[in-house]
PDB file of N, CA and C in Angstrom:
ATOM      1  N   UNK A   1     -16.347  -7.553   9.054  1.00  0.00           N
ATOM      2  CA  UNK A   1     -15.178  -7.136   9.348  1.00  0.00           C
ATOM      3  C   UNK A   1     -15.219  -5.793  10.209  1.00  0.00           C
ATOM      4  N   UNK A   2     -13.579  -5.779  10.998  1.00  0.00           N
ATOM      5  CA  UNK A   2     -13.986  -4.858  11.896  1.00  0.00           C
ATOM      6  C   UNK A   2     -13.565  -3.443  11.234  1.00  0.00           C
ATOM      7  N   UNK A   3     -13.592  -2.177  11.549  1.00  0.00           N
ATOM      8  CA  UNK A   3     -13.176  -1.114  11.028  1.00  0.00           C
ATOM      9  C   UNK A   3     -11.709  -1.216  10.986  1.00  0.00           C
ATOM     10  N   UNK A   4     -10.911  -2.010  12.184  1.00  0.00           N
ATOM     11  CA  UNK A   4      -9.913  -1.788  12.366  1.00  0.00           C
ATOM     12  C   UNK A   4      -8.959  -2.556  11.041  1.00  0.00           C
ATOM     13  N   UNK A   5      -9.663  -3.539  10.692  1.00  0.00           N
ATOM     14  CA  UNK A   5      -9.508  -4.644  10.182  1.00  0.00           C
ATOM     15  C   UNK A   5      -9.449  -4.050   8.141  1.00  0.00           C
ATOM     16  N   UNK A   6     -10.064  -2.932   8.120  1.00  0.00           N
ATOM     17  CA  UNK A   6     -10.449  -2.397   7.153  1.00  0.00           C
ATOM     18  C   UNK A   6      -9.419  -1.186   6.435  1.00  0.00           C
ATOM     19  N   UNK A   7      -9.235  -0.997   7.779  1.00  0.00           N
ATOM     20  CA  UNK A   7      -8.061   0.414   7.840  1.00  0.00           C
ATOM     21  C   UNK A   7      -6.526  -0.300   7.496  1.00  0.00           C
ATOM     22  N   UNK A   8      -6.192  -1.344   8.113  1.00  0.00           N
ATOM     23  CA  UNK A   8      -5.324  -1.853   8.069  1.00  0.00           C
ATOM     24  C   UNK A   8      -4.989  -2.636   6.980  1.00  0.00           C
ATOM     25  N   UNK A   9      -5.977  -3.332   6.157  1.00  0.00           N
ATOM     26  CA  UNK A   9      -5.973  -3.924   4.752  1.00  0.00           C
ATOM     27  C   UNK A   9      -5.367  -2.761   3.953  1.00  0.00           C
ATOM     28  N   UNK A  10      -6.195  -1.414   3.645  1.00  0.00           N
ATOM     29  CA  UNK A  10      -5.896  -0.427   3.045  1.00  0.00           C
ATOM     30  C   UNK A  10      -4.465   0.264   2.935  1.00  0.00           C
ATOM     31  N   UNK A  11      -3.983   0.103   4.186  1.00  0.00           N
ATOM     32  CA  UNK A  11      -2.654   0.820   4.779  1.00  0.00           C
ATOM     33  C   UNK A  11      -1.791  -0.349   3.787  1.00  0.00           C
ATOM     34  N   UNK A  12      -1.907  -1.713   4.139  1.00  0.00           N
ATOM     35  CA  UNK A  12      -1.510  -2.525   3.351  1.00  0.00           C
ATOM     36  C   UNK A  12      -0.743  -2.442   2.117  1.00  0.00           C
ATOM     37  N   UNK A  13      -2.337  -2.330   1.192  1.00  0.00           N
ATOM     38  CA  UNK A  13      -2.278  -2.286   0.014  1.00  0.00           C
ATOM     39  C   UNK A  13      -1.133  -0.793  -0.977  1.00  0.00           C
ATOM     40  N   UNK A  14      -2.323   0.202   0.206  1.00  0.00           N
ATOM     41  CA  UNK A  14      -1.339   1.526  -0.114  1.00  0.00           C
ATOM     42  C   UNK A  14      -0.003   1.739   0.028  1.00  0.00           C
ATOM     43  N   UNK A  15       0.816   0.607   1.129  1.00  0.00           N
ATOM     44  CA  UNK A  15       2.238   0.909   1.385  1.00  0.00           C
ATOM     45  C   UNK A  15       2.586  -0.312   0.001  1.00  0.00           C
ATOM     46  N   UNK A  16       2.038  -1.319  -0.343  1.00  0.00           N
ATOM     47  CA  UNK A  16       2.529  -2.471  -1.235  1.00  0.00           C
ATOM     48  C   UNK A  16       3.040  -1.416  -2.309  1.00  0.00           C
ATOM     49  N   UNK A  17       1.424  -1.074  -2.830  1.00  0.00           N
ATOM     50  CA  UNK A  17       1.864  -0.210  -4.445  1.00  0.00           C
ATOM     51  C   UNK A  17       2.772   0.890  -3.968  1.00  0.00           C
ATOM     52  N   UNK A  18       2.726   1.506  -3.227  1.00  0.00           N
ATOM     53  CA  UNK A  18       4.022   2.489  -3.325  1.00  0.00           C
ATOM     54  C   UNK A  18       5.548   2.105  -3.470  1.00  0.00           C
ATOM     55  N   UNK A  19       5.776   0.977  -2.903  1.00  0.00           N
ATOM     56  CA  UNK A  19       6.663   0.480  -2.848  1.00  0.00           C
ATOM     57  C   UNK A  19       7.259  -0.092  -4.456  1.00  0.00           C
ATOM     58  N   UNK A  20       5.923  -1.042  -4.851  1.00  0.00           N
ATOM     59  CA  UNK A  20       5.913  -1.151  -6.312  1.00  0.00           C
ATOM     60  C   UNK A  20       6.349  -0.078  -7.274  1.00  0.00           C
ATOM     61  N   UNK A  21       5.377   1.051  -7.150  1.00  0.00           N
ATOM     62  CA  UNK A  21       5.662   1.825  -8.488  1.00  0.00           C
ATOM     63  C   UNK A  21       6.989   2.658  -8.151  1.00  0.00           C
ATOM     64  N   UNK A  22       7.293   2.869  -6.772  1.00  0.00           N
ATOM     65  CA  UNK A  22       8.962   3.454  -6.542  1.00  0.00           C
ATOM     66  C   UNK A  22       9.714   2.537  -7.003  1.00  0.00           C
ATOM     67  N   UNK A  23       9.902   1.210  -7.013  1.00  0.00           N
ATOM     68  CA  UNK A  23      11.033   0.011  -7.469  1.00  0.00           C
ATOM     69  C   UNK A  23      10.880   0.413  -9.202  1.00  0.00           C
ATOM     70  N   UNK A  24       9.570   0.534  -9.934  1.00  0.00           N
ATOM     71  CA  UNK A  24       9.087  -0.005 -11.219  1.00  0.00           C
ATOM     72  C   UNK A  24       9.661   1.239 -11.724  1.00  0.00           C
ATOM     73  N   UNK A  25       9.702   2.739 -10.964  1.00  0.00           N
ATOM     74  CA  UNK A  25       9.444   4.099 -11.979  1.00  0.00           C
ATOM     75  C   UNK A  25      10.539   4.584 -11.782  1.00  0.00           C
ATOM     76  N   UNK A  26      11.713   4.034 -10.757  1.00  0.00           N
ATOM     77  CA  UNK A  26      13.478   4.167 -10.450  1.00  0.00           C
ATOM     78  C   UNK A  26      13.487   5.997 -10.211  1.00  0.00           C
ATOM     79  N   UNK A  27      12.354   6.165  -9.468  1.00  0.00           N
ATOM     80  CA  UNK A  27      12.918   7.720  -8.777  1.00  0.00           C
ATOM     81  C   UNK A  27      11.811   8.752  -9.784  1.00  0.00           C
ATOM     82  N   UNK A  28      11.420   8.090 -10.733  1.00  0.00           N
ATOM     83  CA  UNK A  28      11.433   8.877 -12.002  1.00  0.00           C
ATOM     84  C   UNK A  28      10.024  10.012 -11.599  1.00  0.00           C
TER      85      UNK A  28
END
C-alpha cells in the first residue's frame, strides 16, 4: 500500500469513530 492509502484509511476510521461516538454519547 502507498502512504496516501494509509493516510486515507486512518482518516476514514477517525471520522467514522468520531461520528459514532458523537451520535451515541449525545454530546455528553
